[in-house]
Protein backbone atom coordinates (compact mmCIF):
# COMPACT_ATOMS: atom_id res chain seq x y z
CA MET A 1 0.00 0.00 0.00
CA ASP A 2 1.39 3.41 -0.95
CA GLY A 3 1.56 5.94 1.82
CA ASN A 4 3.67 7.50 4.51
CA ASP A 5 4.66 5.25 7.43
CA ILE A 6 4.00 7.37 10.52
CA GLY A 7 5.10 4.79 13.08
CA ASP A 8 3.62 1.97 15.12
CA GLY A 9 2.53 0.20 11.93
CA ILE A 10 0.33 3.11 10.83
CA THR A 11 0.33 4.32 7.25
CA LEU A 12 -1.16 7.66 6.20
CA ARG A 13 -2.09 8.08 2.55
CA ALA A 14 -4.18 10.33 0.35
CA GLU A 15 -7.86 9.41 0.35
CA GLN A 16 -8.77 7.29 -2.66
CA ALA A 17 -12.10 6.55 -4.32
CA GLY A 18 -12.27 3.16 -2.59
CA ASP A 19 -12.11 4.88 0.80
CA ALA A 20 -15.44 6.66 0.35
CA ALA A 21 -17.60 4.15 2.26
CA PHE A 22 -15.18 4.07 5.20
CA VAL A 23 -14.87 7.86 5.39
CA ASP A 24 -18.64 8.30 5.08
CA ALA A 25 -19.31 5.81 7.88
CA LEU A 26 -16.63 7.39 10.09
CA THR A 27 -18.03 10.89 9.50
CA ARG A 28 -21.61 9.73 10.11
CA GLY A 29 -20.52 8.11 13.36
CA GLN A 30 -18.69 11.24 14.51
CA LEU A 31 -21.63 13.52 13.71
CA GLY A 32 -24.08 11.05 15.23
CA GLU A 33 -22.09 11.02 18.48
CA GLY A 34 -22.27 14.82 18.51
CA LEU A 35 -26.02 14.60 18.08
CA GLY A 36 -26.42 12.44 21.17
CA GLY A 37 -26.18 9.07 19.45
CA LEU A 38 -28.49 9.84 16.53
CA MET A 39 -27.18 7.52 13.80
CA ASP A 40 -29.87 7.90 11.14
CA GLY A 41 -32.61 10.19 9.94
CA PRO A 42 -33.19 13.61 8.39
CA LEU A 43 -31.33 15.60 11.06
CA LEU A 44 -28.14 13.60 10.50
CA GLU A 45 -28.51 13.88 6.72
CA MET A 46 -28.92 17.66 7.05
CA GLN A 47 -25.79 17.84 9.20
CA LEU A 48 -23.82 15.81 6.64
CA ARG A 49 -24.90 18.06 3.77
CA SER A 50 -24.15 21.18 5.79
CA ARG A 51 -20.71 19.84 6.73
CA ALA A 52 -19.86 19.00 3.10
CA ALA A 53 -20.95 22.45 1.89
CA THR A 54 -19.04 24.22 4.66
CA LEU A 55 -15.85 22.26 3.98
CA ALA A 56 -16.06 22.92 0.24
CA HIS A 57 -16.69 26.64 0.77
CA ARG A 58 -14.19 27.36 3.57
CA PHE A 59 -11.40 25.02 2.47
CA PRO A 60 -11.21 24.70 -1.32
CA ASP A 61 -7.69 23.19 -1.10
CA LEU A 62 -8.65 20.54 1.45
CA GLY A 63 -6.28 17.57 1.71
CA ARG A 64 -7.91 14.29 2.68
CA GLU A 65 -5.92 11.36 4.06
CA VAL A 66 -6.80 7.99 5.56
CA ALA A 67 -4.80 6.24 8.28
CA TRP A 68 -4.34 2.49 7.95
CA MET A 69 -3.25 -0.15 10.43
CA GLY A 70 -2.23 -3.01 8.17
CA ASP A 71 -5.12 -3.50 5.77
CA ALA A 72 -7.73 -1.80 7.99
CA PRO A 73 -8.61 1.91 7.76
CA VAL A 74 -8.58 3.40 11.26
CA GLY A 75 -8.85 7.17 10.88
CA SER A 76 -9.13 10.18 8.62
CA LEU A 77 -7.31 13.50 8.50
CA LEU A 78 -8.32 16.76 6.81
CA THR A 79 -5.76 19.56 6.39
CA THR A 80 -5.54 22.69 4.27
CA PRO A 81 -3.11 25.52 3.64
CA LEU A 82 -4.57 28.54 5.41
CA GLY A 83 -2.97 31.96 5.75
CA GLY A 84 0.58 30.65 5.46
CA THR A 85 -0.04 27.79 7.89
CA LEU A 86 -0.95 24.15 7.53
CA HIS A 87 -4.35 24.03 9.20
CA VAL A 88 -5.72 20.84 10.75
CA VAL A 89 -9.41 20.84 9.94
CA GLU A 90 -10.32 17.46 11.40
CA ILE A 91 -8.94 14.23 12.81
CA ILE A 92 -11.42 11.38 13.26
CA ILE A 93 -10.42 8.02 14.72
CA VAL A 94 -12.44 4.78 14.60
CA PRO A 95 -13.88 4.42 18.14
CA ALA A 96 -12.11 1.09 18.79
CA TRP A 97 -8.75 2.75 18.02
CA ARG A 98 -9.16 5.86 20.19
CA ARG A 99 -6.78 6.52 23.10
CA GLN A 100 -4.04 4.42 21.51
CA GLY A 101 -1.83 7.19 20.10
CA LEU A 102 -3.16 7.16 16.55
CA ALA A 103 -4.32 10.80 16.51
CA ARG A 104 -0.97 11.82 18.03
CA ARG A 105 0.88 9.99 15.24
CA MET A 106 -1.29 11.67 12.63
CA LEU A 107 -0.73 15.10 14.19
CA GLU A 108 3.03 14.49 14.39
CA ALA A 109 2.99 13.67 10.65
CA VAL A 110 1.26 17.00 9.99
CA ILE A 111 3.88 18.80 12.11
CA ARG A 112 6.75 17.15 10.18
CA ARG A 113 5.16 18.13 6.86
CA ALA A 114 4.58 21.72 7.97
CA THR A 115 8.10 22.01 9.35
CA ALA A 116 9.57 20.76 6.05
CA ASP A 117 7.46 23.36 4.20
CA GLY A 118 8.38 26.18 6.61
CA ARG A 119 4.81 26.57 7.86
CA ASP A 120 3.28 26.81 11.29
CA VAL A 121 0.40 24.48 12.18
CA THR A 122 -2.99 25.68 13.38
CA ALA A 123 -6.36 24.20 14.34
CA MET A 124 -9.64 25.38 15.80
CA ILE A 125 -10.90 23.17 18.64
CA TYR A 126 -14.23 23.39 20.42
CA VAL A 127 -13.69 24.06 24.12
CA SER A 128 -15.86 21.06 24.97
CA ASN A 129 -13.49 18.74 23.06
CA THR A 130 -11.16 18.04 25.97
CA ALA A 131 -9.49 15.07 24.27
CA SER A 132 -8.40 17.22 21.31
CA LEU A 133 -7.31 20.08 23.56
CA ALA A 134 -5.13 17.62 25.52
CA LEU A 135 -3.71 16.10 22.31
CA PHE A 136 -2.70 19.43 20.80
CA SER A 137 -1.29 20.68 24.10
CA THR A 138 0.77 17.49 24.53
CA CYS A 139 2.15 17.96 21.00
CA GLY A 140 3.44 21.44 21.92
CA PHE A 141 0.67 23.67 20.62
CA SER A 142 -0.21 26.89 22.39
CA LEU A 143 -3.94 27.16 23.07
CA GLU A 144 -5.60 30.57 22.99
CA ARG A 145 -9.25 31.37 23.55
CA ALA A 146 -10.93 34.74 23.71
CA ASP A 147 -13.54 35.15 26.46
CA GLY A 148 -16.89 33.80 25.39
CA GLU A 149 -15.59 32.03 22.29
CA ALA A 150 -16.74 28.47 21.61
CA GLN A 151 -13.42 27.50 20.02
CA THR A 152 -9.79 27.59 21.03
CA THR A 153 -7.05 28.41 18.53
CA ALA A 154 -4.23 25.88 18.63
CA ARG A 155 -0.93 27.06 17.13
CA LEU A 156 2.46 25.46 16.82
CA ARG A 157 5.25 27.65 15.56
CA THR A 158 7.65 25.59 13.46
CA ARG A 159 9.41 28.60 11.97
CA HIS A 160 11.94 30.56 13.95
CA ASN A 161 11.59 34.14 12.68
């Protein structure tokens, strides 16, 4: 399988047409969790359409990658160049693979890529997403949130200006 070995037997590669069913199921599961376990129905379908439209509008240069453990897909990663940075839009991990270092490996791969390109790395994280806040903090990101804001800006400076 072509891709970038990111350690611990994990390969990260560009999303391919054959990955569509996996990525769709993973995204549906993530959105369904956010909707209190709603895994089907018109509300979920509306959220999926809204998400797709928002991603296409806000991030026209979106890079999509899938993480593999052997021959099993275990996660997805969305990044985009944004204002001179490499911006992490989303990391989703298959529930059975969470809390095993996979997201950290994926984020470290993004950091290596950004460093090689001379870019900083950024992300926007909802304040309620404590797992992501801990991940980014552990990977050296500064976390900044303005009073009353629903999201925290995570930034890792890779350039030494």
